[in-house]
Amino acid sequence: MRGRVSGLALATLASGLLGALPAAQAAGSAPYVVSGDRIEEPLLGLRGDPDRGRAIVADRRAGLCLLCHQAPVPEERSPGNLSTDLAGAGSRWTAAQLRLRVVDARRLNATSVMPAFHRTEGLNRVGAAWRDRPILDAQQVEDVVAYLERLK
């Protein structure tokens, strides 16, 4: 067990790191409608760019995805192993299902340690820089979804 970090400890660390990041460009989250296990419509009708999405996933300051997930990002060392490997995500989930997982994974699993990347209401222990601001703005969410959808 030496060198292993519990999910709760890692979530606390991620929350603290995210609190130190600069605030998202636009205050507040974009409106969305959850239907079962998905958000069908792209946020604000935006089209995602998979290359920008990959950059967000790979950037340990932007999305912190590699803190918990492995992904086909060979230039980044020591990816996490606490959650799903992102390789093949586009084969396992539709864009609409991926969108909900990025926006607010806790809608699917209330005990998930994954942060709500685009939800702003009903959160606890939110850093001052993030109050009423999503971690990822609508365009960034769509970019990440486009990248994950490409991983077939």
C-alpha atoms as a PDB file:
ATOM      1  CA  MET A   1       0.000   0.000   0.000  1.00  0.00           C
ATOM      2  CA  ARG A   2       3.026   2.262   0.208  1.00  0.00           C
ATOM      3  CA  GLY A   3       2.765   5.141  -2.259  1.00  0.00           C
ATOM      4  CA  ARG A   4      -0.964   4.643  -2.832  1.00  0.00           C
ATOM      5  CA  VAL A   5      -3.412   7.443  -2.183  1.00  0.00           C
ATOM      6  CA  SER A   6      -7.052   6.913  -1.245  1.00  0.00           C
ATOM      7  CA  GLY A   7      -9.777   8.226  -3.556  1.00  0.00           C
ATOM      8  CA  LEU A   8     -10.950  10.658  -0.868  1.00  0.00           C
ATOM      9  CA  ALA A   9      -7.427  11.990  -0.309  1.00  0.00           C
ATOM     10  CA  LEU A  10      -6.943  12.394  -4.049  1.00  0.00           C
ATOM     11  CA  ALA A  11     -10.282  14.186  -4.415  1.00  0.00           C
ATOM     12  CA  THR A  12      -9.273  16.541  -1.616  1.00  0.00           C
ATOM     13  CA  LEU A  13      -5.937  17.166  -3.326  1.00  0.00           C
ATOM     14  CA  ALA A  14      -7.637  17.785  -6.689  1.00  0.00           C
ATOM     15  CA  SER A  15     -10.099  20.161  -5.046  1.00  0.00           C
ATOM     16  CA  GLY A  16      -7.245  22.109  -3.494  1.00  0.00           C
ATOM     17  CA  LEU A  17      -5.298  22.234  -6.754  1.00  0.00           C
ATOM     18  CA  LEU A  18      -8.347  23.347  -8.683  1.00  0.00           C
ATOM     19  CA  GLY A  19      -8.933  26.084  -6.125  1.00  0.00           C
ATOM     20  CA  ALA A  20      -5.506  27.474  -6.995  1.00  0.00           C
ATOM     21  CA  LEU A  21      -6.188  27.655 -10.733  1.00  0.00           C
ATOM     22  CA  PRO A  22      -7.325  30.850 -12.438  1.00  0.00           C
ATOM     23  CA  ALA A  23     -11.078  31.223 -12.789  1.00  0.00           C
ATOM     24  CA  ALA A  24     -12.813  30.096 -15.959  1.00  0.00           C
ATOM     25  CA  GLN A  25     -13.329  32.724 -18.643  1.00  0.00           C
ATOM     26  CA  ALA A  26     -17.059  33.116 -18.189  1.00  0.00           C
ATOM     27  CA  ALA A  27     -18.859  33.080 -14.865  1.00  0.00           C
ATOM     28  CA  GLY A  28     -21.575  30.469 -14.363  1.00  0.00           C
ATOM     29  CA  SER A  29     -22.230  27.255 -16.180  1.00  0.00           C
ATOM     30  CA  ALA A  30     -24.097  26.923 -19.457  1.00  0.00           C
ATOM     31  CA  PRO A  31     -27.629  25.524 -19.188  1.00  0.00           C
ATOM     32  CA  TYR A  32     -28.030  21.834 -19.960  1.00  0.00           C
ATOM     33  CA  VAL A  33     -30.686  19.148 -19.741  1.00  0.00           C
ATOM     34  CA  VAL A  34     -29.849  15.729 -18.334  1.00  0.00           C
ATOM     35  CA  SER A  35     -31.756  12.874 -19.952  1.00  0.00           C
ATOM     36  CA  GLY A  36     -31.005   9.562 -18.253  1.00  0.00           C
ATOM     37  CA  ASP A  37     -27.244   9.059 -18.462  1.00  0.00           C
ATOM     38  CA  ARG A  38     -26.562  11.818 -20.975  1.00  0.00           C
ATOM     39  CA  ILE A  39     -26.696  15.443 -22.004  1.00  0.00           C
ATOM     40  CA  GLU A  40     -27.856  15.211 -25.622  1.00  0.00           C
ATOM     41  CA  GLU A  41     -27.193  18.755 -26.835  1.00  0.00           C
ATOM     42  CA  PRO A  42     -23.731  20.315 -26.941  1.00  0.00           C
ATOM     43  CA  LEU A  43     -23.374  23.077 -24.367  1.00  0.00           C
ATOM     44  CA  LEU A  44     -24.387  26.399 -25.926  1.00  0.00           C
ATOM     45  CA  GLY A  45     -24.578  24.549 -29.267  1.00  0.00           C
ATOM     46  CA  LEU A  46     -20.777  24.596 -29.474  1.00  0.00           C
ATOM     47  CA  ARG A  47     -18.687  22.244 -31.549  1.00  0.00           C
ATOM     48  CA  GLY A  48     -15.679  20.708 -29.809  1.00  0.00           C
ATOM     49  CA  ASP A  49     -12.149  20.515 -31.136  1.00  0.00           C
ATOM     50  CA  PRO A  50     -10.466  17.187 -30.276  1.00  0.00           C
ATOM     51  CA  ASP A  51      -6.945  18.662 -30.400  1.00  0.00           C
ATOM     52  CA  ARG A  52      -7.840  21.335 -27.849  1.00  0.00           C
ATOM     53  CA  GLY A  53      -9.584  18.635 -25.809  1.00  0.00           C
ATOM     54  CA  ARG A  54      -6.462  16.481 -25.797  1.00  0.00           C
ATOM     55  CA  ALA A  55      -4.455  19.479 -24.586  1.00  0.00           C
ATOM     56  CA  ILE A  56      -6.909  19.978 -21.687  1.00  0.00           C
ATOM     57  CA  VAL A  57      -6.791  16.278 -20.758  1.00  0.00           C
ATOM     58  CA  ALA A  58      -2.972  16.252 -20.920  1.00  0.00           C
ATOM     59  CA  ASP A  59      -2.516  19.512 -18.997  1.00  0.00           C
ATOM     60  CA  ARG A  60      -2.146  18.772 -15.309  1.00  0.00           C
ATOM     61  CA  ARG A  61      -3.226  22.339 -14.494  1.00  0.00           C
ATOM     62  CA  ALA A  62      -6.310  22.591 -16.711  1.00  0.00           C
ATOM     63  CA  GLY A  63      -8.401  19.474 -16.250  1.00  0.00           C
ATOM     64  CA  LEU A  64      -6.275  17.362 -13.921  1.00  0.00           C
ATOM     65  CA  CYS A  65      -7.622  14.309 -15.790  1.00  0.00           C
ATOM     66  CA  LEU A  66      -4.312  12.439 -15.564  1.00  0.00           C
ATOM     67  CA  LEU A  67      -4.350  12.740 -11.797  1.00  0.00           C
ATOM     68  CA  CYS A  68      -6.871   9.871 -11.726  1.00  0.00           C
ATOM     69  CA  HIS A  69      -7.079   8.519 -15.290  1.00  0.00           C
ATOM     70  CA  GLN A  70      -4.725   6.833 -17.699  1.00  0.00           C
ATOM     71  CA  ALA A  71      -5.014   8.120 -21.250  1.00  0.00           C
ATOM     72  CA  PRO A  72      -3.207   7.704 -24.565  1.00  0.00           C
ATOM     73  CA  VAL A  73      -0.966  10.690 -23.806  1.00  0.00           C
ATOM     74  CA  PRO A  74       2.500   9.095 -23.867  1.00  0.00           C
ATOM     75  CA  GLU A  75       4.385  12.339 -23.206  1.00  0.00           C
ATOM     76  CA  GLU A  76       2.809  12.615 -19.755  1.00  0.00           C
ATOM     77  CA  ARG A  77       4.369  10.355 -17.161  1.00  0.00           C
ATOM     78  CA  SER A  78       2.718   8.770 -14.165  1.00  0.00           C
ATOM     79  CA  PRO A  79      -0.956   8.902 -15.092  1.00  0.00           C
ATOM     80  CA  GLY A  80      -3.437   7.996 -12.399  1.00  0.00           C
ATOM     81  CA  ASN A  81      -4.879   4.557 -11.861  1.00  0.00           C
ATOM     82  CA  LEU A  82      -7.839   5.366  -9.614  1.00  0.00           C
ATOM     83  CA  SER A  83     -10.405   5.548 -12.367  1.00  0.00           C
ATOM     84  CA  THR A  84     -11.291   4.408 -15.860  1.00  0.00           C
ATOM     85  CA  ASP A  85      -8.601   4.306 -18.531  1.00  0.00           C
ATOM     86  CA  LEU A  86      -9.696   6.893 -21.103  1.00  0.00           C
ATOM     87  CA  ALA A  87      -8.355   4.823 -24.007  1.00  0.00           C
ATOM     88  CA  GLY A  88     -11.403   3.539 -25.888  1.00  0.00           C
ATOM     89  CA  ALA A  89     -13.783   6.012 -24.212  1.00  0.00           C
ATOM     90  CA  GLY A  90     -15.399   6.796 -27.577  1.00  0.00           C
ATOM     91  CA  SER A  91     -16.191   3.112 -28.037  1.00  0.00           C
ATOM     92  CA  ARG A  92     -17.768   2.759 -24.608  1.00  0.00           C
ATOM     93  CA  TRP A  93     -19.845   5.944 -24.489  1.00  0.00           C
ATOM     94  CA  THR A  94     -21.589   8.300 -26.898  1.00  0.00           C
ATOM     95  CA  ALA A  95     -20.742  11.997 -27.033  1.00  0.00           C
ATOM     96  CA  ALA A  96     -23.914  12.690 -25.016  1.00  0.00           C
ATOM     97  CA  GLN A  97     -22.883  10.196 -22.314  1.00  0.00           C
ATOM     98  CA  LEU A  98     -19.342  11.574 -22.227  1.00  0.00           C
ATOM     99  CA  ARG A  99     -20.729  15.101 -21.905  1.00  0.00           C
ATOM    100  CA  LEU A 100     -22.613  14.247 -18.697  1.00  0.00           C
ATOM    101  CA  ARG A 101     -19.563  12.479 -17.269  1.00  0.00           C
ATOM    102  CA  VAL A 102     -17.452  15.592 -17.825  1.00  0.00           C
ATOM    103  CA  VAL A 103     -20.112  18.092 -16.746  1.00  0.00           C
ATOM    104  CA  ASP A 104     -21.094  16.267 -13.547  1.00  0.00           C
ATOM    105  CA  ALA A 105     -20.138  12.606 -13.026  1.00  0.00           C
ATOM    106  CA  ARG A 106     -21.908  12.609  -9.673  1.00  0.00           C
ATOM    107  CA  ARG A 107     -25.249  12.595 -11.506  1.00  0.00           C
ATOM    108  CA  LEU A 108     -24.346   8.999 -12.388  1.00  0.00           C
ATOM    109  CA  ASN A 109     -22.474   8.007  -9.231  1.00  0.00           C
ATOM    110  CA  ALA A 110     -23.066  10.076  -6.102  1.00  0.00           C
ATOM    111  CA  THR A 111     -19.853   8.773  -4.517  1.00  0.00           C
ATOM    112  CA  SER A 112     -17.616   9.610  -7.486  1.00  0.00           C
ATOM    113  CA  VAL A 113     -14.449  11.494  -6.594  1.00  0.00           C
ATOM    114  CA  MET A 114     -14.452  13.113 -10.034  1.00  0.00           C
ATOM    115  CA  PRO A 115     -15.061  16.856  -9.761  1.00  0.00           C
ATOM    116  CA  ALA A 116     -18.124  18.391 -11.378  1.00  0.00           C
ATOM    117  CA  PHE A 117     -16.287  20.202 -14.171  1.00  0.00           C
ATOM    118  CA  HIS A 118     -19.224  22.314 -15.325  1.00  0.00           C
ATOM    119  CA  ARG A 119     -21.710  22.349 -12.462  1.00  0.00           C
ATOM    120  CA  THR A 120     -21.677  25.330 -10.127  1.00  0.00           C
ATOM    121  CA  GLU A 121     -24.671  24.859  -7.834  1.00  0.00           C
ATOM    122  CA  GLY A 122     -24.925  22.644  -4.768  1.00  0.00           C
ATOM    123  CA  LEU A 123     -21.173  22.207  -4.322  1.00  0.00           C
ATOM    124  CA  ASN A 124     -19.280  22.151  -1.009  1.00  0.00           C
ATOM    125  CA  ARG A 125     -15.757  23.351  -0.187  1.00  0.00           C
ATOM    126  CA  VAL A 126     -15.345  25.431  -3.329  1.00  0.00           C
ATOM    127  CA  GLY A 127     -12.299  27.687  -3.526  1.00  0.00           C
ATOM    128  CA  ALA A 128     -13.051  31.402  -3.708  1.00  0.00           C
ATOM    129  CA  ALA A 129     -11.719  31.624  -7.277  1.00  0.00           C
ATOM    130  CA  TRP A 130     -14.267  29.008  -8.374  1.00  0.00           C
ATOM    131  CA  ARG A 131     -17.434  30.121  -6.600  1.00  0.00           C
ATOM    132  CA  ASP A 132     -20.195  30.358  -9.204  1.00  0.00           C
ATOM    133  CA  ARG A 133     -17.684  29.459 -11.945  1.00  0.00           C
ATOM    134  CA  PRO A 134     -17.223  26.100 -13.644  1.00  0.00           C
ATOM    135  CA  ILE A 135     -13.802  24.443 -13.734  1.00  0.00           C
ATOM    136  CA  LEU A 136     -14.165  24.040 -17.499  1.00  0.00           C
ATOM    137  CA  ASP A 137     -16.199  26.469 -19.565  1.00  0.00           C
ATOM    138  CA  ALA A 138     -18.708  25.228 -22.156  1.00  0.00           C
ATOM    139  CA  GLN A 139     -16.171  25.279 -25.002  1.00  0.00           C
ATOM    140  CA  GLN A 140     -13.619  23.355 -22.964  1.00  0.00           C
ATOM    141  CA  VAL A 141     -16.234  20.725 -22.053  1.00  0.00           C
ATOM    142  CA  GLU A 142     -17.099  20.267 -25.720  1.00  0.00           C
ATOM    143  CA  ASP A 143     -13.404  20.093 -26.630  1.00  0.00           C
ATOM    144  CA  VAL A 144     -12.799  17.342 -24.051  1.00  0.00           C
ATOM    145  CA  VAL A 145     -15.896  15.464 -25.248  1.00  0.00           C
ATOM    146  CA  ALA A 146     -14.658  15.677 -28.865  1.00  0.00           C
ATOM    147  CA  TYR A 147     -11.271  14.274 -27.831  1.00  0.00           C
ATOM    148  CA  LEU A 148     -12.756  11.451 -25.743  1.00  0.00           C
ATOM    149  CA  GLU A 149     -15.223  10.594 -28.507  1.00  0.00           C
ATOM    150  CA  ARG A 150     -12.270  10.219 -30.908  1.00  0.00           C
ATOM    151  CA  LEU A 151     -10.685   7.586 -28.656  1.00  0.00           C
ATOM    152  CA  LYS A 152     -12.207   4.493 -30.259  1.00  0.00           C
END
